[in-house]
N, C-alpha and C. Protein backbone atom coordinates (compact mmCIF):
# COMPACT_ATOMS: atom_id res chain seq x y z
N MET A 1 231.39 0.08 87.50
CA MET A 1 230.66 -1.00 88.31
C MET A 1 229.71 -0.37 89.29
N ILE A 2 229.90 0.88 89.65
CA ILE A 2 228.99 1.53 90.68
C ILE A 2 227.59 1.54 90.00
N TRP A 3 227.45 1.76 88.69
CA TRP A 3 226.01 1.85 88.16
C TRP A 3 225.33 0.53 88.16
N VAL A 4 226.08 -0.58 88.17
CA VAL A 4 225.35 -1.84 88.36
C VAL A 4 224.68 -1.86 89.69
N ALA A 5 225.11 -1.16 90.68
CA ALA A 5 224.51 -1.13 92.02
C ALA A 5 223.47 0.07 92.16
N VAL A 6 223.87 1.20 91.59
CA VAL A 6 223.07 2.36 91.79
C VAL A 6 221.73 2.42 91.00
N PHE A 7 221.89 2.04 89.65
CA PHE A 7 220.69 2.17 88.87
C PHE A 7 219.50 1.24 89.34
N PRO A 8 219.77 -0.08 89.57
CA PRO A 8 218.62 -0.84 90.03
C PRO A 8 218.10 -0.42 91.42
N THR A 9 219.00 0.11 92.32
CA THR A 9 218.47 0.57 93.62
C THR A 9 217.63 1.73 93.42
N LEU A 10 218.04 2.75 92.66
CA LEU A 10 217.17 3.95 92.45
C LEU A 10 215.93 3.52 91.73
N THR A 11 216.00 2.66 90.78
CA THR A 11 214.73 2.22 90.10
C THR A 11 213.73 1.65 91.00
N LEU A 12 214.22 0.70 91.86
CA LEU A 12 213.33 0.08 92.76
C LEU A 12 212.68 1.06 93.89
N LEU A 13 213.62 1.94 94.31
CA LEU A 13 213.16 2.97 95.14
C LEU A 13 212.15 3.95 94.59
N ASN A 14 212.38 4.33 93.38
CA ASN A 14 211.34 5.09 92.73
C ASN A 14 210.01 4.48 92.48
N LEU A 15 210.10 3.22 92.16
CA LEU A 15 208.83 2.41 91.99
C LEU A 15 208.13 2.21 93.37
N THR A 16 208.84 2.10 94.44
CA THR A 16 208.22 1.78 95.80
C THR A 16 207.86 3.02 96.60
N ILE A 17 208.87 4.01 96.64
CA ILE A 17 208.65 5.16 97.50
C ILE A 17 208.19 6.32 96.66
N GLY A 18 208.48 6.32 95.29
CA GLY A 18 208.06 7.41 94.42
C GLY A 18 206.66 7.90 94.51
N PRO A 19 205.66 6.97 94.50
CA PRO A 19 204.26 7.34 94.61
C PRO A 19 203.92 8.06 95.90
N LEU A 20 204.61 7.72 96.95
CA LEU A 20 204.37 8.43 98.24
C LEU A 20 204.85 9.84 98.28
N LEU A 21 205.84 10.11 97.42
CA LEU A 21 206.51 11.42 97.30
C LEU A 21 206.18 12.25 96.13
N LYS A 22 205.20 11.75 95.42
CA LYS A 22 204.91 12.40 94.13
C LYS A 22 204.55 13.90 94.24
N ASP A 23 203.81 14.17 95.31
CA ASP A 23 203.38 15.63 95.47
C ASP A 23 204.44 16.47 96.32
N SER A 24 205.54 15.89 96.66
CA SER A 24 206.40 16.56 97.50
C SER A 24 207.39 17.42 96.62
N ASN A 25 208.03 18.35 97.31
CA ASN A 25 209.13 19.16 96.71
C ASN A 25 210.18 18.30 96.08
N PRO A 26 210.75 18.59 94.85
CA PRO A 26 211.78 17.73 94.22
C PRO A 26 213.01 17.66 95.11
N VAL A 27 213.35 18.73 95.89
CA VAL A 27 214.45 18.69 96.74
C VAL A 27 214.33 17.72 97.84
N LEU A 28 213.11 17.68 98.42
CA LEU A 28 212.80 16.75 99.50
C LEU A 28 212.77 15.27 99.03
N ARG A 29 212.21 15.15 97.83
CA ARG A 29 212.13 13.74 97.19
C ARG A 29 213.57 13.26 96.97
N THR A 30 214.43 14.05 96.41
CA THR A 30 215.82 13.65 96.20
C THR A 30 216.50 13.32 97.44
N PHE A 31 216.33 14.24 98.48
CA PHE A 31 216.90 13.93 99.84
C PHE A 31 216.47 12.55 100.43
N VAL A 32 215.24 12.30 100.28
CA VAL A 32 214.69 11.07 100.83
C VAL A 32 215.26 9.87 100.05
N LEU A 33 215.24 9.91 98.77
CA LEU A 33 215.75 8.85 97.94
C LEU A 33 217.24 8.64 98.12
N ALA A 34 217.94 9.69 98.13
CA ALA A 34 219.40 9.53 98.41
C ALA A 34 219.76 9.03 99.84
N THR A 35 219.04 9.44 100.83
CA THR A 35 219.13 8.95 102.21
C THR A 35 218.96 7.43 102.29
N VAL A 36 218.03 6.95 101.59
CA VAL A 36 217.76 5.60 101.59
C VAL A 36 218.67 4.76 100.68
N ALA A 37 218.92 5.35 99.41
CA ALA A 37 219.75 4.62 98.49
C ALA A 37 221.19 4.41 98.86
N VAL A 38 221.81 5.46 99.41
CA VAL A 38 223.26 5.47 99.60
C VAL A 38 223.63 4.34 100.58
N PRO A 39 223.04 4.09 101.69
CA PRO A 39 223.43 2.92 102.61
C PRO A 39 223.14 1.56 101.96
N ILE A 40 222.06 1.44 101.13
CA ILE A 40 221.80 0.24 100.50
C ILE A 40 222.93 -0.15 99.43
N VAL A 41 223.39 0.92 98.75
CA VAL A 41 224.45 0.67 97.76
C VAL A 41 225.78 0.40 98.49
N ILE A 42 226.14 1.24 99.44
CA ILE A 42 227.39 1.20 100.05
C ILE A 42 227.59 -0.14 100.95
N TYR A 43 226.59 -0.38 101.71
CA TYR A 43 226.71 -1.62 102.65
C TYR A 43 226.14 -2.89 102.17
N GLY A 44 225.21 -2.83 101.16
CA GLY A 44 224.59 -3.99 100.57
C GLY A 44 225.13 -4.42 99.24
N ALA A 45 224.91 -3.55 98.25
CA ALA A 45 225.21 -3.98 96.89
C ALA A 45 226.66 -4.01 96.54
N MET A 46 227.48 -3.01 96.88
CA MET A 46 228.82 -2.87 96.54
C MET A 46 229.74 -3.97 97.11
N PRO A 47 229.62 -4.34 98.40
CA PRO A 47 230.43 -5.46 98.89
C PRO A 47 230.19 -6.71 98.09
N ARG A 48 228.89 -7.00 97.77
CA ARG A 48 228.64 -8.21 97.03
C ARG A 48 229.23 -8.11 95.64
N LEU A 49 229.13 -6.97 95.02
CA LEU A 49 229.71 -6.83 93.64
C LEU A 49 231.22 -6.96 93.61
N HIS A 50 231.87 -6.52 94.74
CA HIS A 50 233.36 -6.63 94.87
C HIS A 50 233.72 -8.10 95.00
N ARG A 51 232.95 -8.86 95.77
CA ARG A 51 233.24 -10.27 95.95
C ARG A 51 233.09 -11.02 94.56
N VAL A 52 232.03 -10.78 93.87
CA VAL A 52 231.80 -11.34 92.51
C VAL A 52 232.97 -11.05 91.56
N ARG A 53 233.36 -9.75 91.61
CA ARG A 53 234.40 -9.29 90.75
C ARG A 53 235.78 -10.02 91.08
N ALA A 54 236.04 -10.20 92.45
CA ALA A 54 237.20 -10.89 92.78
C ALA A 54 237.25 -12.33 92.31
N ARG A 55 236.01 -12.99 92.39
CA ARG A 55 235.96 -14.43 91.91
C ARG A 55 236.28 -14.44 90.42
N ILE A 56 235.66 -13.50 89.65
CA ILE A 56 235.84 -13.53 88.17
C ILE A 56 237.25 -13.22 87.79
N LEU A 57 237.84 -12.30 88.49
CA LEU A 57 239.28 -12.02 88.17
C LEU A 57 240.14 -13.20 88.60
N ALA A 58 239.84 -13.94 89.70
CA ALA A 58 240.59 -15.03 90.16
C ALA A 58 240.55 -16.11 89.04
N ARG A 59 239.40 -16.31 88.56
CA ARG A 59 239.29 -17.39 87.47
C ARG A 59 239.94 -16.96 86.24
N ARG A 60 239.92 -15.69 85.88
CA ARG A 60 240.50 -15.25 84.60
C ARG A 60 241.87 -15.28 84.62
N CYS A 61 242.53 -15.13 85.84
CA CYS A 61 243.98 -15.25 86.03
C CYS A 61 244.43 -16.64 86.00
N GLY A 62 243.48 -17.61 86.03
CA GLY A 62 243.91 -18.98 86.06
C GLY A 62 244.17 -19.42 87.45
N ASP A 63 243.82 -18.65 88.44
CA ASP A 63 244.15 -18.97 89.81
C ASP A 63 242.98 -19.81 90.39
N GLN A 64 243.29 -21.07 90.61
CA GLN A 64 242.23 -21.92 91.16
C GLN A 64 242.41 -22.16 92.68
N ALA A 65 243.31 -21.46 93.29
CA ALA A 65 243.56 -21.47 94.75
C ALA A 65 242.44 -20.79 95.49
N ASP A 66 242.39 -21.15 96.77
CA ASP A 66 241.41 -20.61 97.58
C ASP A 66 241.58 -19.05 97.68
N LEU A 67 240.55 -18.28 97.70
CA LEU A 67 240.67 -16.83 97.71
C LEU A 67 241.22 -16.33 98.97
N THR A 68 241.37 -17.14 99.91
CA THR A 68 241.95 -16.70 101.22
C THR A 68 243.42 -17.01 101.30
N GLY A 69 243.90 -17.53 100.09
CA GLY A 69 245.36 -17.93 100.05
C GLY A 69 246.29 -16.78 99.80
N SER A 70 247.42 -17.01 99.26
CA SER A 70 248.48 -15.98 99.15
C SER A 70 248.21 -15.03 98.03
N THR A 71 247.24 -15.31 97.21
CA THR A 71 247.00 -14.42 95.99
C THR A 71 246.18 -13.16 96.37
N THR A 72 245.69 -13.11 97.57
CA THR A 72 244.78 -11.99 97.93
C THR A 72 245.28 -11.38 99.26
N GLU A 73 244.96 -10.09 99.35
CA GLU A 73 245.14 -9.39 100.57
C GLU A 73 243.80 -9.06 101.21
N HIS A 74 243.70 -9.24 102.55
CA HIS A 74 242.45 -8.85 103.22
C HIS A 74 242.59 -7.55 103.95
N HIS A 75 241.67 -6.70 103.77
CA HIS A 75 241.58 -5.33 104.37
C HIS A 75 240.30 -5.36 105.21
N VAL A 76 240.39 -5.07 106.45
CA VAL A 76 239.20 -4.98 107.28
C VAL A 76 238.78 -3.55 107.37
N LEU A 77 237.56 -3.29 107.04
CA LEU A 77 237.06 -2.01 107.10
C LEU A 77 236.10 -1.85 108.30
N PRO A 78 236.10 -0.72 109.07
CA PRO A 78 235.25 -0.68 110.19
C PRO A 78 233.73 -0.41 109.79
N GLY A 79 232.93 -0.72 110.80
CA GLY A 79 231.60 -0.39 110.59
C GLY A 79 230.71 -1.34 109.85
N GLY A 80 229.65 -0.81 109.27
CA GLY A 80 228.64 -1.64 108.63
C GLY A 80 227.36 -1.48 109.44
N PRO A 81 226.25 -1.77 108.74
CA PRO A 81 224.93 -1.53 109.44
C PRO A 81 224.82 -2.47 110.53
N SER A 82 225.47 -3.63 110.58
CA SER A 82 225.34 -4.62 111.65
C SER A 82 226.31 -4.35 112.80
N GLY A 83 227.28 -3.39 112.62
CA GLY A 83 228.24 -3.18 113.54
C GLY A 83 229.46 -4.08 113.49
N LYS A 84 229.38 -5.08 112.60
CA LYS A 84 230.45 -6.05 112.49
C LYS A 84 231.37 -5.50 111.46
N ALA A 85 232.71 -5.99 111.57
CA ALA A 85 233.66 -5.48 110.57
C ALA A 85 233.36 -6.12 109.22
N MET A 86 233.46 -5.33 108.15
CA MET A 86 233.20 -5.76 106.80
C MET A 86 234.52 -5.92 106.17
N SER A 87 234.69 -6.96 105.43
CA SER A 87 235.95 -7.16 104.76
C SER A 87 235.79 -7.19 103.21
N ARG A 88 236.84 -6.77 102.50
CA ARG A 88 236.78 -6.88 101.11
C ARG A 88 238.08 -7.42 100.57
N MET A 89 238.08 -8.12 99.49
CA MET A 89 239.30 -8.65 98.99
C MET A 89 239.89 -7.80 97.90
N VAL A 90 241.17 -7.70 97.81
CA VAL A 90 241.84 -6.98 96.77
C VAL A 90 242.81 -7.95 96.10
N LEU A 91 242.62 -8.20 94.90
CA LEU A 91 243.51 -9.20 94.26
C LEU A 91 244.92 -8.68 94.04
N ALA A 92 245.84 -9.43 94.36
CA ALA A 92 247.27 -9.13 94.15
C ALA A 92 247.64 -9.06 92.70
N HIS A 93 246.91 -9.92 91.87
CA HIS A 93 247.21 -9.92 90.48
C HIS A 93 246.08 -9.10 89.71
N HIS A 94 246.49 -8.04 89.01
CA HIS A 94 245.49 -7.23 88.35
C HIS A 94 245.69 -7.48 86.91
N LEU A 95 244.45 -7.43 86.18
CA LEU A 95 244.57 -7.56 84.76
C LEU A 95 244.70 -6.25 84.11
N PRO A 96 245.28 -6.20 82.92
CA PRO A 96 245.54 -4.91 82.25
C PRO A 96 244.22 -4.20 81.89
């Protein structure tokens, strides 16, 4: 699932920032792209993908209950770019 977030992020960054860095050292180019891409993926794309995955798994399990009900556990993770706590859901029922 990580590639669903990483590949489009790197593609967009290469299309937007790439021309500015075309004459730079490959190590510097990689450093700049990674420095921009990692926070976007960690704090932007992955939390959204985890929420989508939780909804899909809940539907697949036949669970029509609210996702805040007894079928999920909530874990609060510190930080985030806005300084607010970020939460993710972990389904109690896992598919094989």
